[in-house]
PDB file of N, CA and C in Angstrom:
ATOM      1  N   MET A   1     -47.393  17.891   4.632  1.00  0.00           N
ATOM      2  CA  MET A   1     -46.383  17.043   4.023  1.00  0.00           C
ATOM      3  C   MET A   1     -45.792  16.130   5.099  1.00  0.00           C
ATOM      4  N   THR A   2     -45.715  14.858   4.801  1.00  0.00           N
ATOM      5  CA  THR A   2     -45.166  13.888   5.729  1.00  0.00           C
ATOM      6  C   THR A   2     -43.647  13.976   5.732  1.00  0.00           C
ATOM      7  N   LYS A   3     -43.081  13.985   6.921  1.00  0.00           N
ATOM      8  CA  LYS A   3     -41.622  13.998   7.035  1.00  0.00           C
ATOM      9  C   LYS A   3     -41.076  12.641   6.623  1.00  0.00           C
ATOM     10  N   LEU A   4     -39.981  12.656   5.893  1.00  0.00           N
ATOM     11  CA  LEU A   4     -39.332  11.412   5.512  1.00  0.00           C
ATOM     12  C   LEU A   4     -38.677  10.782   6.733  1.00  0.00           C
ATOM     13  N   LYS A   5     -38.785   9.446   6.831  1.00  0.00           N
ATOM     14  CA  LYS A   5     -38.209   8.700   7.954  1.00  0.00           C
ATOM     15  C   LYS A   5     -36.796   8.258   7.611  1.00  0.00           C
ATOM     16  N   ILE A   6     -35.887   8.529   8.527  1.00  0.00           N
ATOM     17  CA  ILE A   6     -34.506   8.096   8.367  1.00  0.00           C
ATOM     18  C   ILE A   6     -34.114   7.261   9.577  1.00  0.00           C
ATOM     19  N   LEU A   7     -33.605   6.081   9.297  1.00  0.00           N
ATOM     20  CA  LEU A   7     -33.099   5.195  10.343  1.00  0.00           C
ATOM     21  C   LEU A   7     -31.605   5.443  10.493  1.00  0.00           C
ATOM     22  N   VAL A   8     -31.174   5.803  11.690  1.00  0.00           N
ATOM     23  CA  VAL A   8     -29.760   6.034  11.979  1.00  0.00           C
ATOM     24  C   VAL A   8     -29.185   4.782  12.622  1.00  0.00           C
ATOM     25  N   VAL A   9     -28.086   4.294  12.040  1.00  0.00           N
ATOM     26  CA  VAL A   9     -27.423   3.097  12.553  1.00  0.00           C
ATOM     27  C   VAL A   9     -25.984   3.487  12.878  1.00  0.00           C
ATOM     28  N   GLU A  10     -25.723   3.661  14.169  1.00  0.00           N
ATOM     29  CA  GLU A  10     -24.418   4.142  14.650  1.00  0.00           C
ATOM     30  C   GLU A  10     -24.231   3.649  16.067  1.00  0.00           C
ATOM     31  N   ASP A  11     -23.081   3.028  16.354  1.00  0.00           N
ATOM     32  CA  ASP A  11     -22.871   2.474  17.688  1.00  0.00           C
ATOM     33  C   ASP A  11     -22.181   3.433  18.660  1.00  0.00           C
ATOM     34  N   GLU A  12     -21.781   4.593  18.213  1.00  0.00           N
ATOM     35  CA  GLU A  12     -21.242   5.610  19.116  1.00  0.00           C
ATOM     36  C   GLU A  12     -22.363   6.593  19.421  1.00  0.00           C
ATOM     37  N   ILE A  13     -22.901   6.529  20.638  1.00  0.00           N
ATOM     38  CA  ILE A  13     -24.126   7.256  20.985  1.00  0.00           C
ATOM     39  C   ILE A  13     -23.994   8.767  20.800  1.00  0.00           C
ATOM     40  N   ILE A  14     -22.853   9.331  21.095  1.00  0.00           N
ATOM     41  CA  ILE A  14     -22.681  10.783  20.929  1.00  0.00           C
ATOM     42  C   ILE A  14     -22.804  11.163  19.465  1.00  0.00           C
ATOM     43  N   ILE A  15     -22.184  10.401  18.592  1.00  0.00           N
ATOM     44  CA  ILE A  15     -22.275  10.667  17.153  1.00  0.00           C
ATOM     45  C   ILE A  15     -23.703  10.440  16.671  1.00  0.00           C
ATOM     46  N   ALA A  16     -24.338   9.373  17.142  1.00  0.00           N
ATOM     47  CA  ALA A  16     -25.708   9.068  16.740  1.00  0.00           C
ATOM     48  C   ALA A  16     -26.669  10.179  17.132  1.00  0.00           C
ATOM     49  N   LYS A  17     -26.568  10.663  18.360  1.00  0.00           N
ATOM     50  CA  LYS A  17     -27.449  11.737  18.836  1.00  0.00           C
ATOM     51  C   LYS A  17     -27.191  13.030  18.069  1.00  0.00           C
ATOM     52  N   ASP A  18     -25.926  13.339  17.809  1.00  0.00           N
ATOM     53  CA  ASP A  18     -25.584  14.525  17.029  1.00  0.00           C
ATOM     54  C   ASP A  18     -26.200  14.434  15.637  1.00  0.00           C
ATOM     55  N   LEU A  19     -26.087  13.280  15.023  1.00  0.00           N
ATOM     56  CA  LEU A  19     -26.662  13.048  13.705  1.00  0.00           C
ATOM     57  C   LEU A  19     -28.187  13.180  13.754  1.00  0.00           C
ATOM     58  N   GLN A  20     -28.796  12.645  14.787  1.00  0.00           N
ATOM     59  CA  GLN A  20     -30.243  12.762  14.941  1.00  0.00           C
ATOM     60  C   GLN A  20     -30.667  14.233  15.023  1.00  0.00           C
ATOM     61  N   TYR A  21     -29.968  15.038  15.808  1.00  0.00           N
ATOM     62  CA  TYR A  21     -30.293  16.457  15.937  1.00  0.00           C
ATOM     63  C   TYR A  21     -30.139  17.182  14.601  1.00  0.00           C
ATOM     64  N   ILE A  22     -29.077  16.875  13.858  1.00  0.00           N
ATOM     65  CA  ILE A  22     -28.868  17.484  12.544  1.00  0.00           C
ATOM     66  C   ILE A  22     -30.029  17.131  11.620  1.00  0.00           C
ATOM     67  N   LEU A  23     -30.401  15.854  11.591  1.00  0.00           N
ATOM     68  CA  LEU A  23     -31.480  15.409  10.713  1.00  0.00           C
ATOM     69  C   LEU A  23     -32.819  16.036  11.077  1.00  0.00           C
ATOM     70  N   ILE A  24     -33.109  16.142  12.362  1.00  0.00           N
ATOM     71  CA  ILE A  24     -34.347  16.788  12.808  1.00  0.00           C
ATOM     72  C   ILE A  24     -34.350  18.255  12.400  1.00  0.00           C
ATOM     73  N   ASP A  25     -33.210  18.934  12.569  1.00  0.00           N
ATOM     74  CA  ASP A  25     -33.094  20.335  12.144  1.00  0.00           C
ATOM     75  C   ASP A  25     -33.314  20.488  10.640  1.00  0.00           C
ATOM     76  N   LEU A  26     -32.951  19.451   9.871  1.00  0.00           N
ATOM     77  CA  LEU A  26     -33.141  19.477   8.419  1.00  0.00           C
ATOM     78  C   LEU A  26     -34.573  19.117   8.022  1.00  0.00           C
ATOM     79  N   GLY A  27     -35.400  18.750   9.012  1.00  0.00           N
ATOM     80  CA  GLY A  27     -36.804  18.476   8.741  1.00  0.00           C
ATOM     81  C   GLY A  27     -37.168  17.016   8.560  1.00  0.00           C
ATOM     82  N   TYR A  28     -36.273  16.114   8.950  1.00  0.00           N
ATOM     83  CA  TYR A  28     -36.540  14.683   8.809  1.00  0.00           C
ATOM     84  C   TYR A  28     -37.008  14.086  10.122  1.00  0.00           C
ATOM     85  N   ASN A  29     -37.701  12.958  10.027  1.00  0.00           N
ATOM     86  CA  ASN A  29     -38.153  12.196  11.179  1.00  0.00           C
ATOM     87  C   ASN A  29     -37.122  11.096  11.450  1.00  0.00           C
ATOM     88  N   VAL A  30     -36.625  11.026  12.670  1.00  0.00           N
ATOM     89  CA  VAL A  30     -35.652  10.001  13.051  1.00  0.00           C
ATOM     90  C   VAL A  30     -36.256   9.198  14.205  1.00  0.00           C
ATOM     91  N   PRO A  31     -37.094   8.208  13.873  1.00  0.00           N
ATOM     92  CA  PRO A  31     -37.804   7.487  14.930  1.00  0.00           C
ATOM     93  C   PRO A  31     -36.936   6.548  15.758  1.00  0.00           C
ATOM     94  N   TYR A  32     -35.829   6.074  15.180  1.00  0.00           N
ATOM     95  CA  TYR A  32     -34.967   5.135  15.894  1.00  0.00           C
ATOM     96  C   TYR A  32     -33.502   5.405  15.602  1.00  0.00           C
ATOM     97  N   ILE A  33     -32.693   5.116  16.612  1.00  0.00           N
ATOM     98  CA  ILE A  33     -31.245   5.010  16.468  1.00  0.00           C
ATOM     99  C   ILE A  33     -30.910   3.603  16.940  1.00  0.00           C
ATOM    100  N   VAL A  34     -30.210   2.839  16.122  1.00  0.00           N
ATOM    101  CA  VAL A  34     -29.808   1.498  16.518  1.00  0.00           C
ATOM    102  C   VAL A  34     -28.293   1.374  16.389  1.00  0.00           C
ATOM    103  N   SER A  35     -27.731   0.378  17.079  1.00  0.00           N
ATOM    104  CA  SER A  35     -26.269   0.294  17.158  1.00  0.00           C
ATOM    105  C   SER A  35     -25.656  -0.945  16.519  1.00  0.00           C
ATOM    106  N   SER A  36     -26.480  -1.826  15.965  1.00  0.00           N
ATOM    107  CA  SER A  36     -25.918  -3.036  15.341  1.00  0.00           C
ATOM    108  C   SER A  36     -26.603  -3.304  14.010  1.00  0.00           C
ATOM    109  N   GLY A  37     -25.935  -4.070  13.176  1.00  0.00           N
ATOM    110  CA  GLY A  37     -26.505  -4.446  11.900  1.00  0.00           C
ATOM    111  C   GLY A  37     -27.768  -5.276  12.050  1.00  0.00           C
ATOM    112  N   GLU A  38     -27.755  -6.159  13.038  1.00  0.00           N
ATOM    113  CA  GLU A  38     -28.913  -7.007  13.286  1.00  0.00           C
ATOM    114  C   GLU A  38     -30.134  -6.169  13.672  1.00  0.00           C
ATOM    115  N   GLU A  39     -29.933  -5.195  14.560  1.00  0.00           N
ATOM    116  CA  GLU A  39     -31.027  -4.301  14.953  1.00  0.00           C
ATOM    117  C   GLU A  39     -31.510  -3.486  13.758  1.00  0.00           C
ATOM    118  N   ALA A  40     -30.575  -3.045  12.925  1.00  0.00           N
ATOM    119  CA  ALA A  40     -30.922  -2.232  11.757  1.00  0.00           C
ATOM    120  C   ALA A  40     -31.871  -2.990  10.831  1.00  0.00           C
ATOM    121  N   ILE A  41     -31.577  -4.243  10.582  1.00  0.00           N
ATOM    122  CA  ILE A  41     -32.424  -5.056   9.702  1.00  0.00           C
ATOM    123  C   ILE A  41     -33.809  -5.228  10.314  1.00  0.00           C
ATOM    124  N   LYS A  42     -33.848  -5.554  11.600  1.00  0.00           N
ATOM    125  CA  LYS A  42     -35.127  -5.771  12.296  1.00  0.00           C
ATOM    126  C   LYS A  42     -35.989  -4.508  12.278  1.00  0.00           C
ATOM    127  N   ILE A  43     -35.401  -3.366  12.640  1.00  0.00           N
ATOM    128  CA  ILE A  43     -36.162  -2.112  12.696  1.00  0.00           C
ATOM    129  C   ILE A  43     -36.547  -1.641  11.300  1.00  0.00           C
ATOM    130  N   ALA A  44     -35.646  -1.794  10.332  1.00  0.00           N
ATOM    131  CA  ALA A  44     -35.967  -1.387   8.959  1.00  0.00           C
ATOM    132  C   ALA A  44     -37.186  -2.155   8.446  1.00  0.00           C
ATOM    133  N   LYS A  45     -37.250  -3.442   8.735  1.00  0.00           N
ATOM    134  CA  LYS A  45     -38.407  -4.237   8.313  1.00  0.00           C
ATOM    135  C   LYS A  45     -39.684  -3.760   9.004  1.00  0.00           C
ATOM    136  N   ALA A  46     -39.554  -3.323  10.248  1.00  0.00           N
ATOM    137  CA  ALA A  46     -40.730  -2.893  11.016  1.00  0.00           C
ATOM    138  C   ALA A  46     -41.232  -1.510  10.604  1.00  0.00           C
ATOM    139  N   ILE A  47     -40.327  -0.565  10.396  1.00  0.00           N
ATOM    140  CA  ILE A  47     -40.770   0.821  10.146  1.00  0.00           C
ATOM    141  C   ILE A  47     -40.650   1.253   8.692  1.00  0.00           C
ATOM    142  N   LYS A  48     -39.931   0.489   7.873  1.00  0.00           N
ATOM    143  CA  LYS A  48     -39.731   0.806   6.459  1.00  0.00           C
ATOM    144  C   LYS A  48     -39.355   2.277   6.251  1.00  0.00           C
ATOM    145  N   PRO A  49     -38.160   2.647   6.691  1.00  0.00           N
ATOM    146  CA  PRO A  49     -37.733   4.041   6.530  1.00  0.00           C
ATOM    147  C   PRO A  49     -37.516   4.378   5.058  1.00  0.00           C
ATOM    148  N   ASP A  50     -37.476   5.660   4.774  1.00  0.00           N
ATOM    149  CA  ASP A  50     -37.202   6.117   3.417  1.00  0.00           C
ATOM    150  C   ASP A  50     -35.721   6.013   3.087  1.00  0.00           C
ATOM    151  N   LEU A  51     -34.886   6.015   4.137  1.00  0.00           N
ATOM    152  CA  LEU A  51     -33.437   6.027   3.971  1.00  0.00           C
ATOM    153  C   LEU A  51     -32.793   5.521   5.255  1.00  0.00           C
ATOM    154  N   THR A  52     -31.649   4.874   5.127  1.00  0.00           N
ATOM    155  CA  THR A  52     -30.844   4.567   6.305  1.00  0.00           C
ATOM    156  C   THR A  52     -29.524   5.309   6.194  1.00  0.00           C
ATOM    157  N   ILE A  53     -29.053   5.785   7.325  1.00  0.00           N
ATOM    158  CA  ILE A  53     -27.701   6.320   7.418  1.00  0.00           C
ATOM    159  C   ILE A  53     -26.969   5.342   8.320  1.00  0.00           C
ATOM    160  N   MET A  54     -25.971   4.680   7.748  1.00  0.00           N
ATOM    161  CA  MET A  54     -25.380   3.501   8.369  1.00  0.00           C
ATOM    162  C   MET A  54     -23.871   3.669   8.535  1.00  0.00           C
ATOM    163  N   ASP A  55     -23.423   3.526   9.782  1.00  0.00           N
ATOM    164  CA  ASP A  55     -21.986   3.478  10.037  1.00  0.00           C
ATOM    165  C   ASP A  55     -21.454   2.164   9.486  1.00  0.00           C
ATOM    166  N   ILE A  56     -20.240   2.163   9.015  1.00  0.00           N
ATOM    167  CA  ILE A  56     -19.650   0.938   8.469  1.00  0.00           C
ATOM    168  C   ILE A  56     -19.247  -0.022   9.577  1.00  0.00           C
ATOM    169  N   LYS A  57     -18.591   0.496  10.597  1.00  0.00           N
ATOM    170  CA  LYS A  57     -18.134  -0.334  11.717  1.00  0.00           C
ATOM    171  C   LYS A  57     -19.191  -0.286  12.813  1.00  0.00           C
ATOM    172  N   LEU A  58     -19.776  -1.448  13.120  1.00  0.00           N
ATOM    173  CA  LEU A  58     -20.839  -1.520  14.114  1.00  0.00           C
ATOM    174  C   LEU A  58     -20.552  -2.605  15.128  1.00  0.00           C
ATOM    175  N   SER A  59     -21.235  -2.525  16.274  1.00  0.00           N
ATOM    176  CA  SER A  59     -21.177  -3.629  17.225  1.00  0.00           C
ATOM    177  C   SER A  59     -22.052  -4.751  16.681  1.00  0.00           C
ATOM    178  N   GLY A  60     -21.820  -5.962  17.126  1.00  0.00           N
ATOM    179  CA  GLY A  60     -22.608  -7.098  16.661  1.00  0.00           C
ATOM    180  C   GLY A  60     -21.892  -7.882  15.581  1.00  0.00           C
ATOM    181  N   GLU A  61     -22.579  -8.891  15.064  1.00  0.00           N
ATOM    182  CA  GLU A  61     -22.001  -9.802  14.073  1.00  0.00           C
ATOM    183  C   GLU A  61     -21.865  -9.167  12.690  1.00  0.00           C
ATOM    184  N   LEU A  62     -22.856  -8.360  12.302  1.00  0.00           N
ATOM    185  CA  LEU A  62     -22.875  -7.775  10.963  1.00  0.00           C
ATOM    186  C   LEU A  62     -22.288  -6.369  10.978  1.00  0.00           C
ATOM    187  N   ASP A  63     -21.437  -6.072  10.004  1.00  0.00           N
ATOM    188  CA  ASP A  63     -20.993  -4.687   9.873  1.00  0.00           C
ATOM    189  C   ASP A  63     -22.043  -3.921   9.062  1.00  0.00           C
ATOM    190  N   GLY A  64     -21.856  -2.634   8.947  1.00  0.00           N
ATOM    191  CA  GLY A  64     -22.837  -1.795   8.266  1.00  0.00           C
ATOM    192  C   GLY A  64     -23.003  -2.121   6.801  1.00  0.00           C
ATOM    193  N   ILE A  65     -21.938  -2.534   6.145  1.00  0.00           N
ATOM    194  CA  ILE A  65     -22.025  -2.857   4.722  1.00  0.00           C
ATOM    195  C   ILE A  65     -22.923  -4.071   4.512  1.00  0.00           C
ATOM    196  N   GLU A  66     -22.706  -5.120   5.287  1.00  0.00           N
ATOM    197  CA  GLU A  66     -23.523  -6.333   5.157  1.00  0.00           C
ATOM    198  C   GLU A  66     -24.977  -6.046   5.524  1.00  0.00           C
ATOM    199  N   ALA A  67     -25.198  -5.300   6.592  1.00  0.00           N
ATOM    200  CA  ALA A  67     -26.569  -4.963   6.993  1.00  0.00           C
ATOM    201  C   ALA A  67     -27.271  -4.160   5.907  1.00  0.00           C
ATOM    202  N   ALA A  68     -26.575  -3.195   5.332  1.00  0.00           N
ATOM    203  CA  ALA A  68     -27.164  -2.370   4.269  1.00  0.00           C
ATOM    204  C   ALA A  68     -27.509  -3.209   3.045  1.00  0.00           C
ATOM    205  N   MET A  69     -26.640  -4.155   2.705  1.00  0.00           N
ATOM    206  CA  MET A  69     -26.923  -5.016   1.551  1.00  0.00           C
ATOM    207  C   MET A  69     -28.180  -5.841   1.793  1.00  0.00           C
ATOM    208  N   GLN A  70     -28.350  -6.351   3.016  1.00  0.00           N
ATOM    209  CA  GLN A  70     -29.539  -7.141   3.322  1.00  0.00           C
ATOM    210  C   GLN A  70     -30.800  -6.279   3.308  1.00  0.00           C
ATOM    211  N   ILE A  71     -30.705  -5.068   3.855  1.00  0.00           N
ATOM    212  CA  ILE A  71     -31.854  -4.154   3.860  1.00  0.00           C
ATOM    213  C   ILE A  71     -32.225  -3.766   2.432  1.00  0.00           C
ATOM    214  N   HIS A  72     -31.223  -3.442   1.631  1.00  0.00           N
ATOM    215  CA  HIS A  72     -31.480  -3.042   0.250  1.00  0.00           C
ATOM    216  C   HIS A  72     -32.090  -4.192  -0.546  1.00  0.00           C
ATOM    217  N   LYS A  73     -31.577  -5.401  -0.345  1.00  0.00           N
ATOM    218  CA  LYS A  73     -32.067  -6.568  -1.076  1.00  0.00           C
ATOM    219  C   LYS A  73     -33.522  -6.871  -0.732  1.00  0.00           C
ATOM    220  N   SER A  74     -33.867  -6.828   0.541  1.00  0.00           N
ATOM    221  CA  SER A  74     -35.220  -7.216   0.942  1.00  0.00           C
ATOM    222  C   SER A  74     -36.226  -6.067   0.909  1.00  0.00           C
ATOM    223  N   LEU A  75     -35.769  -4.824   1.111  1.00  0.00           N
ATOM    224  CA  LEU A  75     -36.703  -3.701   1.214  1.00  0.00           C
ATOM    225  C   LEU A  75     -36.472  -2.584   0.194  1.00  0.00           C
ATOM    226  N   ASP A  76     -35.370  -2.649  -0.543  1.00  0.00           N
ATOM    227  CA  ASP A  76     -35.017  -1.633  -1.532  1.00  0.00           C
ATOM    228  C   ASP A  76     -34.962  -0.224  -0.918  1.00  0.00           C
ATOM    229  N   ILE A  77     -34.357  -0.137   0.253  1.00  0.00           N
ATOM    230  CA  ILE A  77     -34.186   1.141   0.936  1.00  0.00           C
ATOM    231  C   ILE A  77     -32.758   1.625   0.688  1.00  0.00           C
ATOM    232  N   PRO A  78     -32.606   2.869   0.232  1.00  0.00           N
ATOM    233  CA  PRO A  78     -31.253   3.378  -0.015  1.00  0.00           C
ATOM    234  C   PRO A  78     -30.495   3.624   1.288  1.00  0.00           C
ATOM    235  N   THR A  79     -29.166   3.566   1.177  1.00  0.00           N
ATOM    236  CA  THR A  79     -28.301   3.771   2.337  1.00  0.00           C
ATOM    237  C   THR A  79     -27.218   4.792   2.027  1.00  0.00           C
ATOM    238  N   ILE A  80     -27.029   5.683   2.972  1.00  0.00           N
ATOM    239  CA  ILE A  80     -25.870   6.576   2.978  1.00  0.00           C
ATOM    240  C   ILE A  80     -24.962   6.044   4.070  1.00  0.00           C
ATOM    241  N   PHE A  81     -23.715   5.806   3.717  1.00  0.00           N
ATOM    242  CA  PHE A  81     -22.772   5.282   4.697  1.00  0.00           C
ATOM    243  C   PHE A  81     -22.062   6.409   5.422  1.00  0.00           C
ATOM    244  N   LEU A  82     -21.870   6.183   6.697  1.00  0.00           N
ATOM    245  CA  LEU A  82     -21.176   7.106   7.588  1.00  0.00           C
ATOM    246  C   LEU A  82     -19.908   6.408   8.048  1.00  0.00           C
ATOM    247  N   THR A  83     -18.770   7.067   7.880  1.00  0.00           N
ATOM    248  CA  THR A  83     -17.528   6.387   8.239  1.00  0.00           C
ATOM    249  C   THR A  83     -16.429   7.353   8.647  1.00  0.00           C
ATOM    250  N   ALA A  84     -15.552   6.852   9.461  1.00  0.00           N
ATOM    251  CA  ALA A  84     -14.321   7.576   9.790  1.00  0.00           C
ATOM    252  C   ALA A  84     -13.179   7.002   8.975  1.00  0.00           C
ATOM    253  N   TYR A  85     -13.470   5.904   8.257  1.00  0.00           N
ATOM    254  CA  TYR A  85     -12.448   5.195   7.489  1.00  0.00           C
ATOM    255  C   TYR A  85     -12.601   5.509   6.007  1.00  0.00           C
ATOM    256  N   ASN A  86     -11.484   5.681   5.348  1.00  0.00           N
ATOM    257  CA  ASN A  86     -11.513   5.957   3.917  1.00  0.00           C
ATOM    258  C   ASN A  86     -10.364   5.219   3.252  1.00  0.00           C
ATOM    259  N   ASP A  87     -10.326   3.890   3.413  1.00  0.00           N
ATOM    260  CA  ASP A  87      -9.247   3.101   2.840  1.00  0.00           C
ATOM    261  C   ASP A  87      -9.743   2.352   1.609  1.00  0.00           C
ATOM    262  N   LEU A  88      -8.828   1.800   0.833  1.00  0.00           N
ATOM    263  CA  LEU A  88      -9.158   1.127  -0.419  1.00  0.00           C
ATOM    264  C   LEU A  88     -10.043  -0.095  -0.212  1.00  0.00           C
ATOM    265  N   GLU A  89      -9.724  -0.922   0.783  1.00  0.00           N
ATOM    266  CA  GLU A  89     -10.522  -2.126   1.029  1.00  0.00           C
ATOM    267  C   GLU A  89     -11.975  -1.773   1.351  1.00  0.00           C
ATOM    268  N   THR A  90     -12.164  -0.776   2.206  1.00  0.00           N
ATOM    269  CA  THR A  90     -13.514  -0.343   2.560  1.00  0.00           C
ATOM    270  C   THR A  90     -14.229   0.204   1.328  1.00  0.00           C
ATOM    271  N   SER A  91     -13.538   0.995   0.530  1.00  0.00           N
ATOM    272  CA  SER A  91     -14.129   1.556  -0.688  1.00  0.00           C
ATOM    273  C   SER A  91     -14.604   0.461  -1.632  1.00  0.00           C
ATOM    274  N   GLU A  92     -13.823  -0.591  -1.769  1.00  0.00           N
ATOM    275  CA  GLU A  92     -14.204  -1.704  -2.647  1.00  0.00           C
ATOM    276  C   GLU A  92     -15.442  -2.418  -2.110  1.00  0.00           C
ATOM    277  N   ARG A  93     -15.505  -2.641  -0.808  1.00  0.00           N
ATOM    278  CA  ARG A  93     -16.679  -3.297  -0.213  1.00  0.00           C
ATOM    279  C   ARG A  93     -17.917  -2.412  -0.324  1.00  0.00           C
ATOM    280  N   LEU A  94     -17.721  -1.107  -0.207  1.00  0.00           N
ATOM    281  CA  LEU A  94     -18.855  -0.187  -0.326  1.00  0.00           C
ATOM    282  C   LEU A  94     -19.519  -0.290  -1.693  1.00  0.00           C
ATOM    283  N   LYS A  95     -18.741  -0.471  -2.730  1.00  0.00           N
ATOM    284  CA  LYS A  95     -19.294  -0.590  -4.083  1.00  0.00           C
ATOM    285  C   LYS A  95     -20.271  -1.756  -4.171  1.00  0.00           C
ATOM    286  N   GLU A  96     -19.968  -2.850  -3.483  1.00  0.00           N
ATOM    287  CA  GLU A  96     -20.845  -4.025  -3.486  1.00  0.00           C
ATOM    288  C   GLU A  96     -22.221  -3.711  -2.900  1.00  0.00           C
ATOM    289  N   ALA A  97     -22.267  -2.768  -1.976  1.00  0.00           N
ATOM    290  CA  ALA A  97     -23.512  -2.433  -1.283  1.00  0.00           C
ATOM    291  C   ALA A  97     -24.362  -1.429  -2.054  1.00  0.00           C
ATOM    292  N   GLU A  98     -23.877  -0.950  -3.182  1.00  0.00           N
ATOM    293  CA  GLU A  98     -24.591   0.029  -3.997  1.00  0.00           C
ATOM    294  C   GLU A  98     -25.057   1.227  -3.164  1.00  0.00           C
ATOM    295  N   PRO A  99     -24.116   1.940  -2.565  1.00  0.00           N
ATOM    296  CA  PRO A  99     -24.494   3.057  -1.693  1.00  0.00           C
ATOM    297  C   PRO A  99     -25.151   4.197  -2.468  1.00  0.00           C
ATOM    298  N   SER A 100     -26.014   4.898  -1.779  1.00  0.00           N
ATOM    299  CA  SER A 100     -26.624   6.099  -2.350  1.00  0.00           C
ATOM    300  C   SER A 100     -25.775   7.320  -2.025  1.00  0.00           C
ATOM    301  N   GLY A 101     -24.734   7.104  -1.254  1.00  0.00           N
ATOM    302  CA  GLY A 101     -23.809   8.168  -0.896  1.00  0.00           C
ATOM    303  C   GLY A 101     -23.046   7.781   0.342  1.00  0.00           C
ATOM    304  N   TYR A 102     -22.063   8.594   0.668  1.00  0.00           N
ATOM    305  CA  TYR A 102     -21.366   8.389   1.928  1.00  0.00           C
ATOM    306  C   TYR A 102     -20.853   9.715   2.436  1.00  0.00           C
ATOM    307  N   ILE A 103     -20.665   9.768   3.729  1.00  0.00           N
ATOM    308  CA  ILE A 103     -20.192  10.975   4.385  1.00  0.00           C
ATOM    309  C   ILE A 103     -19.219  10.558   5.481  1.00  0.00           C
ATOM    310  N   THR A 104     -18.178  11.350   5.662  1.00  0.00           N
ATOM    311  CA  THR A 104     -17.194  11.036   6.690  1.00  0.00           C
ATOM    312  C   THR A 104     -17.502  11.807   7.968  1.00  0.00           C
ATOM    313  N   LYS A 105     -17.050  11.234   9.059  1.00  0.00           N
ATOM    314  CA  LYS A 105     -17.186  11.874  10.369  1.00  0.00           C
ATOM    315  C   LYS A 105     -16.069  12.894  10.523  1.00  0.00           C
ATOM    316  N   PRO A 106     -16.286  13.977  11.201  1.00  0.00           N
ATOM    317  CA  PRO A 106     -17.550  14.458  11.765  1.00  0.00           C
ATOM    318  C   PRO A 106     -18.492  14.940  10.658  1.00  0.00           C
ATOM    319  N   VAL A 107     -19.777  14.809  10.905  1.00  0.00           N
ATOM    320  CA  VAL A 107     -20.801  15.103   9.908  1.00  0.00           C
ATOM    321  C   VAL A 107     -21.049  16.603   9.818  1.00  0.00           C
ATOM    322  N   ASP A 108     -21.075  17.093   8.590  1.00  0.00           N
ATOM    323  CA  ASP A 108     -21.420  18.480   8.306  1.00  0.00           C
ATOM    324  C   ASP A 108     -22.874  18.506   7.826  1.00  0.00           C
ATOM    325  N   GLY A 109     -23.713  19.302   8.477  1.00  0.00           N
ATOM    326  CA  GLY A 109     -25.141  19.338   8.172  1.00  0.00           C
ATOM    327  C   GLY A 109     -25.461  19.720   6.738  1.00  0.00           C
ATOM    328  N   ILE A 110     -24.751  20.699   6.199  1.00  0.00           N
ATOM    329  CA  ILE A 110     -25.015  21.138   4.827  1.00  0.00           C
ATOM    330  C   ILE A 110     -24.653  20.033   3.844  1.00  0.00           C
ATOM    331  N   GLU A 111     -23.482  19.428   4.041  1.00  0.00           N
ATOM    332  CA  GLU A 111     -23.063  18.334   3.173  1.00  0.00           C
ATOM    333  C   GLU A 111     -24.045  17.165   3.270  1.00  0.00           C
ATOM    334  N   LEU A 112     -24.475  16.841   4.481  1.00  0.00           N
ATOM    335  CA  LEU A 112     -25.423  15.747   4.674  1.00  0.00           C
ATOM    336  C   LEU A 112     -26.735  16.044   3.958  1.00  0.00           C
ATOM    337  N   SER A 113     -27.217  17.263   4.047  1.00  0.00           N
ATOM    338  CA  SER A 113     -28.455  17.649   3.376  1.00  0.00           C
ATOM    339  C   SER A 113     -28.374  17.412   1.873  1.00  0.00           C
ATOM    340  N   VAL A 114     -27.272  17.794   1.267  1.00  0.00           N
ATOM    341  CA  VAL A 114     -27.080  17.603  -0.176  1.00  0.00           C
ATOM    342  C   VAL A 114     -27.049  16.124  -0.521  1.00  0.00           C
ATOM    343  N   ILE A 115     -26.337  15.333   0.268  1.00  0.00           N
ATOM    344  CA  ILE A 115     -26.225  13.897   0.014  1.00  0.00           C
ATOM    345  C   ILE A 115     -27.588  13.211   0.143  1.00  0.00           C
ATOM    346  N   ILE A 116     -28.361  13.595   1.151  1.00  0.00           N
ATOM    347  CA  ILE A 116     -29.701  13.020   1.327  1.00  0.00           C
ATOM    348  C   ILE A 116     -30.585  13.366   0.141  1.00  0.00           C
ATOM    349  N   LYS A 117     -30.583  14.616  -0.255  1.00  0.00           N
ATOM    350  CA  LYS A 117     -31.415  15.029  -1.383  1.00  0.00           C
ATOM    351  C   LYS A 117     -31.026  14.288  -2.657  1.00  0.00           C
ATOM    352  N   ASN A 118     -29.750  14.094  -2.875  1.00  0.00           N
ATOM    353  CA  ASN A 118     -29.305  13.327  -4.038  1.00  0.00           C
ATOM    354  C   ASN A 118     -29.741  11.864  -3.935  1.00  0.00           C
ATOM    355  N   ALA A 119     -29.599  11.282  -2.741  1.00  0.00           N
ATOM    356  CA  ALA A 119     -29.956   9.874  -2.548  1.00  0.00           C
ATOM    357  C   ALA A 119     -31.438   9.633  -2.771  1.00  0.00           C
ATOM    358  N   LEU A 120     -32.244  10.594  -2.389  1.00  0.00           N
ATOM    359  CA  LEU A 120     -33.706  10.444  -2.500  1.00  0.00           C
ATOM    360  C   LEU A 120     -34.277  11.171  -3.718  1.00  0.00           C
ATOM    361  N   SER A 121     -33.408  11.753  -4.520  1.00  0.00           N
ATOM    362  CA  SER A 121     -33.815  12.513  -5.712  1.00  0.00           C
ATOM    363  C   SER A 121     -34.818  13.606  -5.366  1.00  0.00           C
ATOM    364  N   ILE A 122     -34.470  14.378  -4.346  1.00  0.00           N
ATOM    365  CA  ILE A 122     -35.300  15.498  -3.903  1.00  0.00           C
ATOM    366  C   ILE A 122     -34.677  16.795  -4.421  1.00  0.00           C
ATOM    367  N   ASN A 123     -35.509  17.681  -4.926  1.00  0.00           N
ATOM    368  CA  ASN A 123     -34.983  18.983  -5.397  1.00  0.00           C
ATOM    369  C   ASN A 123     -35.010  20.001  -4.302  1.00  0.00           C
TER     370      ASN A 123
END
């Protein structure tokens, strides 16, 4: 069975590496970690992951919401948003991106596993 590819987009390296280890422990392939929306779009087009896990606040010109919308529009790849923020304005913008789920920091492996399975319709 081929491992599903997940692209991690997070500009805080400690959080990104922790997330990568959790995902690998859950049996997923994490070929890249990128830190900006621009990089996320470029790598997503190159590797066509099954899912992206995207921080909302990123370095670079594009935030995670805008990057996810562009990836979803051009590649139809679902996104789970990762955030430390849970305010009304962010929630409204998230709806525009048609998220497949979201999780708050710090990430809990069990919760993440459930969200991924729901996003990818895995039993």
